[in-house]
N, C-alpha and C. Protein backbone atom coordinates (compact mmCIF):
# COMPACT_ATOMS: atom_id res chain seq x y z
N MET A 1 24.90 -27.95 9.16
CA MET A 1 23.41 -29.18 8.65
C MET A 1 22.19 -28.84 7.93
N ASP A 2 21.88 -30.02 6.63
CA ASP A 2 21.59 -29.30 5.32
C ASP A 2 20.29 -30.07 6.18
N LEU A 3 18.73 -28.96 6.07
CA LEU A 3 17.90 -29.04 6.60
C LEU A 3 16.61 -29.68 5.19
N ARG A 4 17.29 -29.57 3.88
CA ARG A 4 16.16 -30.64 3.00
C ARG A 4 15.90 -32.04 3.79
N HIS A 5 15.09 -32.67 3.31
CA HIS A 5 14.76 -33.80 3.51
C HIS A 5 13.52 -35.01 2.01
N ARG A 6 13.50 -35.77 1.85
CA ARG A 6 12.56 -35.82 1.03
C ARG A 6 11.73 -36.62 2.28
N ASN A 7 10.07 -36.20 1.53
CA ASN A 7 9.00 -36.82 1.79
C ASN A 7 8.03 -37.79 1.51
N PRO A 8 7.26 -38.63 1.55
CA PRO A 8 6.64 -40.13 1.90
C PRO A 8 6.84 -39.94 0.13
N SER A 9 6.05 -38.52 -0.76
CA SER A 9 5.69 -37.99 -1.96
C SER A 9 7.10 -37.99 -2.10
N GLY A 10 7.76 -38.30 -2.04
CA GLY A 10 9.19 -37.71 -2.94
C GLY A 10 9.58 -36.21 -3.35
N THR A 11 8.96 -35.81 -3.26
CA THR A 11 9.46 -33.38 -2.90
C THR A 11 9.70 -33.78 -2.31
N VAL A 12 11.35 -32.71 -2.36
CA VAL A 12 12.17 -31.96 -1.27
C VAL A 12 11.80 -30.89 -0.49
N LYS A 13 11.71 -30.92 1.02
CA LYS A 13 11.02 -30.03 1.94
C LYS A 13 12.57 -29.00 2.53
N ASP A 14 12.09 -27.87 2.85
CA ASP A 14 13.50 -27.80 3.50
C ASP A 14 12.98 -26.81 4.56
N GLY A 15 13.90 -25.35 5.06
CA GLY A 15 13.85 -25.34 5.67
C GLY A 15 12.37 -24.20 5.39
N ASN A 16 12.65 -23.31 5.08
CA ASN A 16 11.92 -22.64 4.66
C ASN A 16 10.37 -23.06 3.94
N GLU A 17 10.19 -24.41 3.96
CA GLU A 17 8.76 -24.77 2.87
C GLU A 17 7.79 -23.65 3.92
N HIS A 18 8.19 -24.08 5.21
CA HIS A 18 6.59 -23.14 6.61
C HIS A 18 6.53 -21.86 5.38
N TRP A 19 7.42 -20.85 5.77
CA TRP A 19 7.26 -19.80 5.38
C TRP A 19 7.23 -19.45 3.32
N ARG A 20 7.07 -20.85 2.97
CA ARG A 20 7.51 -20.31 1.60
C ARG A 20 5.71 -20.91 1.35
N THR A 21 4.74 -21.39 2.69
CA THR A 21 3.37 -21.62 1.70
C THR A 21 2.68 -21.09 2.49
N ARG A 22 2.85 -20.12 4.17
CA ARG A 22 2.33 -19.52 4.51
C ARG A 22 2.61 -17.74 3.36
N GLY A 23 3.06 -17.95 3.06
CA GLY A 23 3.48 -16.85 1.80
C GLY A 23 2.65 -16.75 0.58
N VAL A 24 2.29 -17.74 0.48
CA VAL A 24 1.89 -18.49 -1.06
C VAL A 24 -0.41 -18.75 -0.09
N ARG A 25 -0.10 -18.90 0.20
CA ARG A 25 -1.74 -18.55 1.15
C ARG A 25 -2.03 -16.84 1.47
N ARG A 26 -1.34 -15.76 2.25
CA ARG A 26 -1.35 -14.87 2.17
C ARG A 26 -1.49 -14.59 0.68
N MET A 27 -0.66 -14.26 0.11
CA MET A 27 -1.30 -13.48 -0.75
C MET A 27 -2.25 -14.32 -1.59
N THR A 28 -2.51 -15.15 -1.71
CA THR A 28 -3.75 -15.50 -2.18
C THR A 28 -5.21 -15.21 -1.72
N GLU A 29 -5.29 -15.36 -0.61
CA GLU A 29 -6.31 -14.32 0.12
C GLU A 29 -6.37 -12.81 0.14
N ARG A 30 -5.27 -12.58 -0.82
CA ARG A 30 -5.69 -10.16 -1.19
C ARG A 30 -5.73 -10.36 -2.25
N THR A 31 -5.06 -11.02 -3.51
CA THR A 31 -5.14 -11.10 -4.68
C THR A 31 -5.98 -10.29 -5.07
N LYS A 32 -7.15 -10.05 -4.68
CA LYS A 32 -7.84 -8.92 -5.52
C LYS A 32 -7.97 -7.60 -4.57
N LEU A 33 -7.13 -7.62 -3.79
CA LEU A 33 -7.13 -5.94 -3.11
C LEU A 33 -5.83 -5.42 -4.01
N THR A 34 -7.04 -4.25 -3.76
CA THR A 34 -5.56 -3.22 -5.05
C THR A 34 -5.96 -1.87 -4.35
N VAL A 35 -4.37 -1.37 -3.91
CA VAL A 35 -3.52 0.03 -3.16
C VAL A 35 -3.40 1.32 -4.25
N LEU A 36 -3.71 1.74 -4.19
CA LEU A 36 -2.75 2.56 -5.39
C LEU A 36 -1.83 3.46 -4.44
N LEU A 37 -0.92 3.65 -5.26
CA LEU A 37 0.21 4.28 -4.85
C LEU A 37 1.54 5.78 -5.15
N ALA A 38 -0.09 6.65 -4.82
CA ALA A 38 1.00 7.79 -5.06
C ALA A 38 2.42 8.68 -4.72
N GLU A 39 3.37 9.21 -5.10
CA GLU A 39 5.09 8.92 -4.69
C GLU A 39 5.63 9.62 -6.12
N ASP A 40 5.98 10.97 -6.11
CA ASP A 40 6.29 11.20 -6.95
C ASP A 40 7.64 10.24 -7.17
N HIS A 41 9.02 9.99 -6.22
CA HIS A 41 10.14 10.14 -6.14
C HIS A 41 10.39 8.41 -6.64
N ALA A 42 10.26 8.18 -7.84
CA ALA A 42 10.25 6.65 -8.75
C ALA A 42 10.92 6.02 -8.20
N ASP A 43 11.98 6.13 -7.16
CA ASP A 43 12.55 4.75 -6.64
C ASP A 43 12.57 4.42 -5.52
N SER A 44 11.25 5.07 -4.94
CA SER A 44 10.58 5.43 -3.83
C SER A 44 9.07 4.81 -3.95
N ARG A 45 9.11 4.77 -5.22
CA ARG A 45 7.81 4.58 -5.39
C ARG A 45 7.32 3.19 -5.54
N GLU A 46 8.89 2.85 -6.55
CA GLU A 46 8.98 1.28 -6.90
C GLU A 46 9.27 0.23 -6.03
N MET A 47 10.25 1.08 -4.51
CA MET A 47 10.09 0.12 -3.51
C MET A 47 8.69 -0.07 -2.49
N LEU A 48 7.82 1.07 -2.54
CA LEU A 48 7.02 0.81 -1.72
C LEU A 48 5.88 -0.25 -2.37
N ALA A 49 6.19 0.46 -3.60
CA ALA A 49 5.57 -1.02 -4.44
C ALA A 49 5.64 -2.20 -4.23
N VAL A 50 7.34 -2.94 -4.05
CA VAL A 50 7.21 -4.13 -4.04
C VAL A 50 6.68 -4.28 -2.63
N MET A 51 7.21 -3.40 -1.28
CA MET A 51 6.86 -3.97 -0.32
C MET A 51 5.21 -4.85 -0.33
N LEU A 52 4.43 -4.15 -1.59
CA LEU A 52 3.25 -4.34 -1.18
C LEU A 52 3.02 -5.21 -2.08
N GLU A 53 3.06 -6.10 -2.72
CA GLU A 53 3.58 -6.61 -4.05
C GLU A 53 3.80 -8.40 -3.25
N MET A 54 4.91 -7.80 -2.56
CA MET A 54 5.86 -8.80 -1.64
C MET A 54 5.01 -9.39 -0.63
N ASP A 55 3.68 -9.11 -0.87
CA ASP A 55 2.36 -8.88 0.82
C ASP A 55 1.27 -9.71 0.06
N GLY A 56 1.19 -9.84 -2.03
CA GLY A 56 -0.10 -9.92 -2.96
C GLY A 56 -0.83 -8.68 -2.99
N TYR A 57 -0.54 -7.71 -3.32
CA TYR A 57 -1.27 -6.98 -2.86
C TYR A 57 -1.19 -5.86 -4.73
N ARG A 58 -2.36 -6.02 -5.05
CA ARG A 58 -2.35 -4.88 -6.73
C ARG A 58 -2.27 -3.72 -6.70
N VAL A 59 -1.20 -3.35 -6.75
CA VAL A 59 -0.45 -1.93 -7.07
C VAL A 59 0.34 -0.76 -8.50
N LEU A 60 -0.98 -0.63 -8.18
CA LEU A 60 -1.57 0.71 -8.98
C LEU A 60 -0.92 2.01 -8.75
N ARG A 61 0.56 2.56 -9.65
CA ARG A 61 2.04 3.31 -9.31
C ARG A 61 1.17 4.55 -9.86
N ALA A 62 1.26 5.95 -9.59
CA ALA A 62 1.48 6.70 -9.13
C ALA A 62 2.37 8.52 -9.53
N ALA A 63 3.23 8.21 -10.40
CA ALA A 63 4.14 9.81 -10.05
C ALA A 63 3.14 11.22 -9.04
N ASP A 64 2.34 11.65 -10.14
CA ASP A 64 1.64 12.49 -8.68
C ASP A 64 0.04 12.48 -8.90
N GLY A 65 -0.99 13.61 -7.84
CA GLY A 65 -1.72 13.84 -7.17
C GLY A 65 -3.17 13.32 -8.88
N VAL A 66 -2.63 14.24 -9.92
CA VAL A 66 -3.27 14.07 -10.52
C VAL A 66 -3.51 12.75 -11.71
N GLU A 67 -3.02 11.78 -11.95
CA GLU A 67 -2.57 10.97 -12.48
C GLU A 67 -3.23 10.02 -10.86
N ALA A 68 -3.00 9.77 -10.13
CA ALA A 68 -3.42 9.13 -8.92
C ALA A 68 -5.33 9.07 -8.85
N LEU A 69 -4.94 10.70 -9.15
CA LEU A 69 -7.32 10.26 -8.72
C LEU A 69 -7.82 9.58 -10.36
N GLY A 70 -6.93 10.25 -11.41
CA GLY A 70 -7.65 9.31 -12.48
C GLY A 70 -7.22 7.97 -12.09
N LEU A 71 -6.65 7.50 -11.85
CA LEU A 71 -6.72 5.91 -11.13
C LEU A 71 -7.27 5.22 -10.50
N ALA A 72 -7.34 6.34 -9.58
CA ALA A 72 -8.85 6.24 -8.62
C ALA A 72 -10.15 6.03 -9.07
N ARG A 73 -10.24 6.70 -10.19
CA ARG A 73 -11.39 7.02 -10.10
C ARG A 73 -11.54 5.06 -11.88
N ALA A 74 -10.75 5.16 -12.00
CA ALA A 74 -11.20 4.76 -12.69
C ALA A 74 -10.84 2.99 -12.32
N ASN A 75 -10.63 2.86 -11.86
CA ASN A 75 -10.45 1.90 -10.40
C ASN A 75 -10.73 1.12 -8.86
N HIS A 76 -11.52 1.94 -8.68
CA HIS A 76 -11.86 2.22 -7.20
C HIS A 76 -10.88 0.88 -6.32
N PRO A 77 -10.29 2.31 -5.38
CA PRO A 77 -9.07 0.96 -5.24
C PRO A 77 -9.26 0.71 -3.56
N ASP A 78 -9.41 -0.18 -3.74
CA ASP A 78 -8.99 -0.95 -1.68
C ASP A 78 -8.14 0.14 -0.73
N LEU A 79 -7.65 1.18 -0.74
CA LEU A 79 -6.98 1.33 -0.12
C LEU A 79 -5.94 2.33 -0.89
N VAL A 80 -5.65 4.24 -0.75
CA VAL A 80 -5.15 4.96 -1.27
C VAL A 80 -4.04 4.58 -0.20
N ILE A 81 -2.64 5.12 -0.81
CA ILE A 81 -1.27 5.61 0.05
C ILE A 81 -0.61 7.01 -0.85
N THR A 82 -0.79 8.36 -0.59
CA THR A 82 0.13 8.81 -0.36
C THR A 82 1.19 9.79 -0.51
N ASP A 83 2.03 10.76 -1.12
CA ASP A 83 2.67 11.10 -0.30
C ASP A 83 2.31 12.40 -0.46
N VAL A 84 2.73 12.88 1.12
CA VAL A 84 2.37 14.50 0.69
C VAL A 84 2.75 15.55 -0.42
N ASN A 85 3.57 15.64 -0.82
CA ASN A 85 4.40 16.65 -1.84
C ASN A 85 4.61 16.28 -2.70
N MET A 86 4.30 16.41 -3.98
CA MET A 86 4.07 15.70 -5.40
C MET A 86 3.82 17.27 -6.02
N PRO A 87 4.55 17.11 -7.43
CA PRO A 87 3.44 18.31 -8.58
C PRO A 87 2.97 18.09 -8.75
N LEU A 88 2.45 18.75 -9.30
CA LEU A 88 0.16 19.01 -10.69
C LEU A 88 -0.59 19.23 -9.31
N MET A 89 -0.56 17.81 -8.23
CA MET A 89 -1.63 18.15 -6.99
C MET A 89 -0.80 16.93 -5.78
N ASN A 90 -1.11 17.95 -5.03
CA ASN A 90 -0.28 17.69 -4.18
C ASN A 90 -1.19 16.50 -3.17
N GLY A 91 -0.52 15.82 -2.14
CA GLY A 91 -1.18 15.12 -1.35
C GLY A 91 -2.69 15.63 -0.78
N ILE A 92 -2.73 16.69 -0.38
CA ILE A 92 -3.50 17.32 0.71
C ILE A 92 -4.76 16.73 -0.44
N ASP A 93 -4.57 18.17 -1.66
CA ASP A 93 -5.23 18.37 -3.39
C ASP A 93 -5.88 16.72 -2.84
N LEU A 94 -5.50 15.73 -2.91
CA LEU A 94 -5.51 14.87 -3.79
C LEU A 94 -6.54 14.05 -2.81
N ILE A 95 -6.61 14.09 -0.60
CA ILE A 95 -6.80 13.74 -0.42
C ILE A 95 -9.04 14.62 -0.17
N ARG A 96 -8.03 15.75 0.04
CA ARG A 96 -9.41 16.66 -0.51
C ARG A 96 -11.09 16.22 -1.96
N THR A 97 -9.88 15.64 -2.50
CA THR A 97 -10.72 15.96 -4.02
C THR A 97 -12.04 13.92 -3.78
N LEU A 98 -10.54 12.96 -2.88
CA LEU A 98 -11.25 12.17 -2.84
C LEU A 98 -11.91 12.22 -1.86
N ARG A 99 -12.11 12.84 -0.37
CA ARG A 99 -13.11 12.70 0.13
C ARG A 99 -14.46 12.89 -0.77
N ALA A 100 -14.38 14.09 -1.14
CA ALA A 100 -15.37 15.08 -1.53
C ALA A 100 -16.09 13.98 -2.82
N SER A 101 -15.87 13.22 -3.75
CA SER A 101 -16.41 12.35 -4.10
C SER A 101 -17.37 11.89 -4.13
N GLU A 102 -18.29 11.51 -4.98
CA GLU A 102 -19.19 11.01 -5.42
C GLU A 102 -19.58 9.71 -5.85
N ASN A 103 -19.01 9.06 -6.34
CA ASN A 103 -18.59 7.47 -7.03
C ASN A 103 -18.34 6.77 -5.88
N GLY A 104 -18.44 6.86 -4.47
CA GLY A 104 -17.89 5.45 -3.42
C GLY A 104 -15.95 5.62 -3.06
N LEU A 105 -15.37 6.73 -3.91
CA LEU A 105 -14.16 6.97 -3.70
C LEU A 105 -14.01 7.27 -1.98
N ALA A 106 -15.44 8.31 -1.75
CA ALA A 106 -14.95 9.37 0.38
C ALA A 106 -14.63 8.41 1.00
N SER A 107 -15.48 6.92 0.97
CA SER A 107 -15.48 6.35 1.96
C SER A 107 -13.98 5.45 1.74
N VAL A 108 -12.87 5.66 1.08
CA VAL A 108 -11.65 4.35 0.44
C VAL A 108 -10.81 5.05 1.57
N PRO A 109 -10.24 3.94 2.58
CA PRO A 109 -8.82 4.29 3.29
C PRO A 109 -7.82 5.20 2.61
N ILE A 110 -7.17 6.81 3.75
CA ILE A 110 -6.24 7.11 2.77
C ILE A 110 -4.98 7.33 3.47
N VAL A 111 -3.49 6.17 3.33
CA VAL A 111 -2.61 7.03 4.19
C VAL A 111 -1.52 7.44 3.92
N ALA A 112 -1.78 8.58 4.34
CA ALA A 112 -0.82 9.24 4.22
C ALA A 112 1.00 9.82 4.56
N ILE A 113 1.95 9.93 2.93
CA ILE A 113 3.45 9.63 4.12
C ILE A 113 4.29 10.59 3.46
N SER A 114 4.94 11.60 4.88
CA SER A 114 5.67 12.20 4.50
C SER A 114 6.51 12.22 4.29
N ALA A 115 7.85 12.79 3.45
CA ALA A 115 9.39 13.10 4.61
C ALA A 115 9.58 14.69 5.76
N LEU A 116 7.97 14.79 5.68
CA LEU A 116 8.40 16.55 5.98
C LEU A 116 7.96 17.14 7.25
N GLY A 117 7.60 15.98 7.51
CA GLY A 117 7.69 16.19 9.35
C GLY A 117 6.20 15.81 9.64
N SER A 118 6.14 16.63 11.46
CA SER A 118 4.44 15.77 11.67
C SER A 118 3.53 17.12 11.00
N SER A 119 4.15 17.91 10.87
CA SER A 119 3.07 19.33 10.44
C SER A 119 2.25 18.76 9.22
N CYS A 120 2.44 18.42 8.56
CA CYS A 120 2.45 18.00 7.78
C CYS A 120 1.64 16.25 7.34
N CYS A 121 2.41 15.47 7.94
CA CYS A 121 0.53 14.38 9.29
C CYS A 121 -0.62 15.09 9.21
N LEU A 122 -0.14 15.85 9.82
CA LEU A 122 -1.19 16.64 10.64
C LEU A 122 -2.18 17.27 9.45
N ASP A 123 -1.91 18.73 8.79
CA ASP A 123 -2.41 18.53 7.63
C ASP A 123 -3.38 17.43 6.85
N ALA A 124 -2.64 16.38 6.81
CA ALA A 124 -2.82 15.49 5.89
C ALA A 124 -4.68 14.46 6.51
N VAL A 125 -4.37 14.28 8.07
CA VAL A 125 -5.24 14.56 8.62
C VAL A 125 -6.33 14.98 9.03
N ASP A 126 -6.04 16.48 9.09
CA ASP A 126 -7.18 17.65 8.98
C ASP A 126 -7.63 17.25 7.53
N ALA A 127 -7.50 16.88 6.82
CA ALA A 127 -7.74 16.61 4.77
C ALA A 127 -8.39 15.61 4.62
N GLY A 128 -8.26 14.49 5.51
CA GLY A 128 -9.30 13.61 5.90
C GLY A 128 -9.12 12.36 5.20
N ALA A 129 -7.07 12.04 5.44
CA ALA A 129 -6.44 10.82 5.57
C ALA A 129 -6.60 10.37 7.02
N ASN A 130 -7.11 8.98 7.33
CA ASN A 130 -7.17 8.04 7.99
C ASN A 130 -5.98 8.13 8.66
N GLU A 131 -4.85 7.78 8.09
CA GLU A 131 -3.90 7.88 9.13
C GLU A 131 -2.46 9.10 8.54
N ALA A 132 -1.71 9.19 8.97
CA ALA A 132 -0.15 10.24 8.24
C ALA A 132 0.56 9.25 8.24
N ILE A 133 1.63 9.07 7.54
CA ILE A 133 2.86 8.61 8.51
C ILE A 133 4.36 8.50 7.90
N ALA A 134 5.71 9.14 9.11
CA ALA A 134 6.66 9.95 8.78
C ALA A 134 7.85 8.97 7.76
N LYS A 135 8.10 9.54 6.76
CA LYS A 135 9.24 8.86 6.04
C LYS A 135 10.72 8.77 6.92
N PRO A 136 10.91 8.00 6.56
CA PRO A 136 11.88 6.82 5.94
C PRO A 136 10.47 5.70 6.55
N LEU A 137 10.10 4.86 5.19
CA LEU A 137 9.40 3.43 5.68
C LEU A 137 9.82 2.63 5.26
N GLY A 138 9.85 1.27 6.43
CA GLY A 138 10.51 0.30 6.32
C GLY A 138 9.09 -0.72 6.00
N TYR A 139 9.92 -2.45 5.91
CA TYR A 139 8.15 -3.37 5.81
C TYR A 139 7.17 -2.88 7.04
N ASP A 140 7.92 -3.96 7.60
CA ASP A 140 7.50 -3.94 8.82
C ASP A 140 6.36 -2.90 9.15
N GLN A 141 6.52 -1.62 8.87
CA GLN A 141 5.79 -0.26 8.64
C GLN A 141 4.59 -0.26 7.94
N ILE A 142 4.89 -0.63 6.90
CA ILE A 142 3.66 -0.74 6.08
C ILE A 142 2.98 -1.92 6.03
N HIS A 143 3.69 -2.86 6.06
CA HIS A 143 2.84 -4.34 6.33
C HIS A 143 1.19 -4.14 7.15
N GLU A 144 1.91 -3.87 8.84
CA GLU A 144 1.02 -3.82 9.60
C GLU A 144 0.21 -2.44 9.35
N VAL A 145 0.45 -1.51 9.14
CA VAL A 145 -0.86 -0.33 8.23
C VAL A 145 -1.55 -0.16 7.45
N VAL A 146 -1.04 -1.49 6.36
CA VAL A 146 -1.31 -2.09 4.99
C VAL A 146 -3.11 -2.64 5.44
N SER A 147 -2.36 -3.78 5.94
CA SER A 147 -3.02 -4.88 7.58
C SER A 147 -4.36 -4.81 7.79
N ARG A 148 -3.87 -3.11 9.14
CA ARG A 148 -4.95 -3.18 9.13
C ARG A 148 -5.72 -2.32 9.29
N PHE A 149 -6.16 -1.71 7.47
CA PHE A 149 -6.56 -1.36 6.74
C PHE A 149 -8.00 -2.22 5.38
N LEU A 150 -6.35 -3.25 5.55
CA LEU A 150 -7.23 -4.05 3.89
C LEU A 150 -8.27 -5.44 4.92
N LEU A 151 -7.28 -6.48 5.51
CA LEU A 151 -7.20 -7.36 6.22
C LEU A 151 -9.10 -7.14 6.95
N GLY A 152 -9.18 -6.36 7.24
CA GLY A 152 -10.57 -6.06 8.03
C GLY A 152 -11.51 -5.97 7.13
N MET A 153 -11.15 -6.13 5.72
CA MET A 153 -12.14 -5.88 4.46
C MET A 153 -12.95 -7.61 3.89
N ARG A 154 -12.06 -8.68 4.41
CA ARG A 154 -12.02 -9.89 3.54
C ARG A 154 -13.61 -10.21 4.47
């Protein structure tokens, strides 16, 4: 069955138009919100970044805690998502450093992610993360968590 048809203005519509229109509206509402993503595994970092960008967020990517700290200080993100186990500066130390900051970063919501199990997640929350999630992460889970922290900001 062909779902495409012409409307009075002459443009072609199809069954996906509502979804596309909603997606554009959703992205427009969020274009100024920035998420800092700290993940040492390049494939995981890129996959998560693409998921966030699909929802219209600006994503800053960091491969370790030191790089993430520099990006946070320079860009003041609206949300930080950090892996717990990273080189140079791990996620726990990044969380503690951000929470001790005096330049407005102490109040930024932080979500920790970990493939190492619930004890690492508890350590992240004890260090100051607002929430900790075990990997692997799917789109629905990322979307729900990020929306919960950021949609209330508008």
